[in-house]
Amino acid sequence: MESRGSEWAYANNGRIAAEFLGLAILLLGIGLGVVISFGADAVNAGVALLAIATFLLVFSVLVFLPRLARRGSLSFSVYSRRSIDDAEKAVREVIEEEGRTPRVAQVKSRSDHPPRVVTAEGILAQFRIEVTRHPATADGGPEWTEIVESFRARDAADARALRDKITERLGGAPPPGG
């Protein structure tokens, strides 16, 4: 997918994590209630519910809570065939156009290309930029970069305008090597 035709994908990471954890807790409660109420007659059903609940609990802790910590409660993301430097430059330029001073921090990582977080005072969103795996990279093509906009607070109008400007900026020049 080229930057030019890219759409920002919405994720409510907080709600996803809460729903999985809530379902796990509900199944734990039902499983324990079944075993306590019906005793030996319902042990198999109770154990099955407890096993499913335990799986959901472990799954949500291992998958959704790290995503929630990394991306925040609400986020939008887009993939681009730009290098991480080009994507960072596009985000910085859009923030500068808004009259703000962008700050870029590199996140500690074992990766050769550590993620970068771009923030600015007065802008409630932060942008995490990282090299990502994308099915198209299997053919040995140029790297893909993912830009994730995370919210500290809900400010849809300003955030939407920033996303549109970043998409426009990424689509302004041809992708590297192509």
Protein backbone atom coordinates (compact mmCIF):
# COMPACT_ATOMS: atom_id res chain seq x y z
CA MET A 1 0.00 0.00 0.00
CA GLU A 2 1.48 3.33 -1.03
CA SER A 3 1.45 6.34 1.25
CA ARG A 4 -0.65 8.21 -1.28
CA GLY A 5 -3.64 5.89 -0.88
CA SER A 6 -3.09 5.02 2.76
CA GLU A 7 -5.89 5.29 5.26
CA TRP A 8 -5.38 5.73 8.96
CA ALA A 9 -6.64 2.71 10.92
CA TYR A 10 -8.42 3.42 14.24
CA ALA A 11 -7.88 1.29 17.34
CA ASN A 12 -9.49 1.74 20.74
CA ASN A 13 -6.83 -0.22 22.61
CA GLY A 14 -8.29 0.54 26.04
CA ARG A 15 -11.69 -0.84 25.14
CA ILE A 16 -10.20 -3.97 23.55
CA ALA A 17 -8.10 -4.73 26.63
CA ALA A 18 -11.01 -3.99 28.98
CA GLU A 19 -13.39 -6.25 27.05
CA PHE A 20 -10.99 -9.19 27.02
CA LEU A 21 -10.12 -8.77 30.69
CA GLY A 22 -13.81 -8.34 31.55
CA LEU A 23 -14.76 -11.49 29.64
CA ALA A 24 -11.98 -13.43 31.40
CA ILE A 25 -13.15 -12.21 34.82
CA LEU A 26 -16.79 -13.00 33.97
CA LEU A 27 -15.87 -16.56 32.92
CA LEU A 28 -13.75 -16.98 36.06
CA GLY A 29 -16.70 -15.93 38.19
CA ILE A 30 -19.14 -18.20 36.35
CA GLY A 31 -16.71 -21.14 36.50
CA LEU A 32 -16.12 -20.71 40.22
CA GLY A 33 -19.84 -20.24 40.82
CA VAL A 34 -20.67 -23.44 38.93
CA VAL A 35 -18.10 -25.48 40.84
CA ILE A 36 -19.13 -24.07 44.23
CA SER A 37 -22.91 -24.28 43.59
CA PHE A 38 -23.21 -27.66 41.91
CA GLY A 39 -20.18 -29.44 43.35
CA ALA A 40 -18.99 -32.67 41.77
CA ASP A 41 -21.86 -32.76 39.26
CA ALA A 42 -20.56 -29.69 37.40
CA VAL A 43 -16.81 -30.01 37.83
CA ASN A 44 -16.17 -30.69 34.13
CA ALA A 45 -18.17 -27.64 33.01
CA GLY A 46 -16.59 -25.47 35.71
CA VAL A 47 -13.08 -26.57 34.81
CA ALA A 48 -13.74 -25.90 31.11
CA LEU A 49 -14.94 -22.36 31.91
CA LEU A 50 -11.96 -21.78 34.20
CA ALA A 51 -9.54 -22.98 31.49
CA ILE A 52 -11.08 -20.66 28.89
CA ALA A 53 -11.02 -17.78 31.37
CA THR A 54 -7.39 -18.44 32.23
CA PHE A 55 -6.46 -18.50 28.54
CA LEU A 56 -8.27 -15.20 27.90
CA LEU A 57 -6.64 -13.62 30.93
CA VAL A 58 -3.12 -14.67 29.92
CA PHE A 59 -3.78 -13.78 26.27
CA SER A 60 -4.99 -10.28 27.11
CA VAL A 61 -2.12 -9.64 29.52
CA LEU A 62 0.48 -10.78 26.97
CA VAL A 63 -1.04 -9.18 23.87
CA PHE A 64 -3.31 -6.26 24.71
CA LEU A 65 -1.73 -4.69 27.80
CA PRO A 66 1.69 -4.14 26.12
CA ARG A 67 -0.13 -2.67 23.11
CA LEU A 68 -2.08 -0.40 25.43
CA ALA A 69 1.13 0.73 27.14
CA ARG A 70 2.92 1.33 23.80
CA ARG A 71 0.10 2.96 21.82
CA GLY A 72 -2.15 4.50 24.44
CA SER A 73 -5.88 4.14 24.87
CA LEU A 74 -6.90 5.56 21.47
CA SER A 75 -4.69 5.42 18.41
CA PHE A 76 -4.61 5.73 14.65
CA SER A 77 -1.91 4.14 12.51
CA VAL A 78 -0.78 4.27 8.91
CA TYR A 79 1.87 2.39 6.94
CA SER A 80 4.25 4.16 4.60
CA ARG A 81 7.02 2.99 2.29
CA ARG A 82 9.15 5.85 3.51
CA SER A 83 12.26 5.37 5.59
CA ILE A 84 11.96 6.08 9.30
CA ASP A 85 13.93 9.31 8.76
CA ASP A 86 11.54 10.50 6.02
CA ALA A 87 8.49 9.68 8.15
CA GLU A 88 9.96 11.51 11.14
CA LYS A 89 10.75 14.50 8.94
CA ALA A 90 7.17 14.60 7.62
CA VAL A 91 5.71 14.54 11.14
CA ARG A 92 8.16 17.20 12.37
CA GLU A 93 7.36 19.48 9.42
CA VAL A 94 3.61 19.21 10.00
CA ILE A 95 4.04 20.06 13.68
CA GLU A 96 6.28 23.01 12.77
CA GLU A 97 3.59 24.24 10.34
CA GLU A 98 1.23 24.33 13.33
CA GLY A 99 3.62 26.77 15.01
CA ARG A 100 4.86 24.24 17.57
CA THR A 101 8.36 22.96 18.30
CA PRO A 102 8.56 19.18 17.85
CA ARG A 103 10.57 17.04 20.26
CA VAL A 104 11.90 13.69 19.08
CA ALA A 105 12.87 10.95 21.52
CA GLN A 106 14.31 7.58 20.60
CA VAL A 107 12.78 4.70 22.51
CA LYS A 108 15.15 2.09 23.93
CA SER A 109 15.00 -0.93 21.68
CA ARG A 110 17.06 -3.89 20.56
CA SER A 111 16.16 -3.05 16.98
CA ASP A 112 18.65 -1.64 14.47
CA HIS A 113 16.11 1.15 13.91
CA PRO A 114 14.76 2.15 17.33
CA PRO A 115 11.29 3.69 17.33
CA ARG A 116 10.99 7.45 17.61
CA VAL A 117 8.33 9.38 19.48
CA VAL A 118 7.51 12.87 18.24
CA THR A 119 5.65 15.19 20.59
CA ALA A 120 5.06 18.93 20.87
CA GLU A 121 3.79 21.16 23.62
CA GLY A 122 0.19 22.15 22.95
CA ILE A 123 -0.55 19.11 20.79
CA LEU A 124 -2.37 16.38 22.68
CA ALA A 125 -1.33 13.60 20.32
CA GLN A 126 2.05 11.94 20.11
CA PHE A 127 3.43 10.11 17.10
CA ARG A 128 5.37 6.86 17.39
CA ILE A 129 7.35 6.09 14.24
CA GLU A 130 8.91 2.68 13.77
CA VAL A 131 10.14 0.34 11.08
CA THR A 132 7.64 -2.45 10.84
CA ARG A 133 7.13 -5.80 9.23
CA HIS A 134 4.68 -5.69 6.42
CA PRO A 135 3.74 -8.52 4.02
CA ALA A 136 5.16 -6.52 1.12
CA THR A 137 8.67 -6.56 2.62
CA ALA A 138 8.88 -10.30 2.01
CA ASP A 139 9.72 -9.54 -1.62
CA GLY A 140 12.84 -7.62 -0.57
CA GLY A 141 11.30 -4.24 -1.39
CA PRO A 142 11.91 -1.05 0.55
CA GLU A 143 11.22 -0.96 4.27
CA TRP A 144 7.83 -0.02 5.64
CA THR A 145 7.38 2.50 8.40
CA GLU A 146 4.38 2.65 10.69
CA ILE A 147 3.26 5.95 12.15
CA VAL A 148 1.02 5.62 15.20
CA GLU A 149 -0.82 8.65 16.54
CA SER A 150 -1.73 8.14 20.21
CA PHE A 151 -3.98 10.41 22.21
CA ARG A 152 -3.54 11.66 25.73
CA ALA A 153 -7.03 13.14 25.51
CA ARG A 154 -9.83 13.08 22.96
CA ASP A 155 -9.36 15.95 20.51
CA ALA A 156 -10.68 14.57 17.24
CA ALA A 157 -10.78 17.71 15.07
CA ASP A 158 -7.17 18.79 15.63
CA ALA A 159 -5.89 15.21 15.46
CA ARG A 160 -7.72 14.57 12.19
CA ALA A 161 -6.19 17.69 10.65
CA LEU A 162 -2.69 16.55 11.68
CA ARG A 163 -3.27 13.07 10.19
CA ASP A 164 -4.46 14.57 6.91
CA LYS A 165 -1.42 16.83 6.68
CA ILE A 166 0.96 13.96 7.45
CA THR A 167 -0.68 11.78 4.80
CA GLU A 168 -0.38 14.60 2.29
CA ARG A 169 3.27 15.16 3.22
CA LEU A 170 4.12 11.45 2.87
CA GLY A 171 2.42 11.28 -0.52
CA GLY A 172 4.21 14.34 -1.91
CA ALA A 173 7.33 12.56 -3.18
CA PRO A 174 7.90 9.13 -4.69
CA PRO A 175 8.86 6.34 -2.30
CA PRO A 176 12.61 5.58 -2.04
CA GLY A 177 13.91 3.20 -4.67
CA GLY A 178 10.71 3.46 -6.67
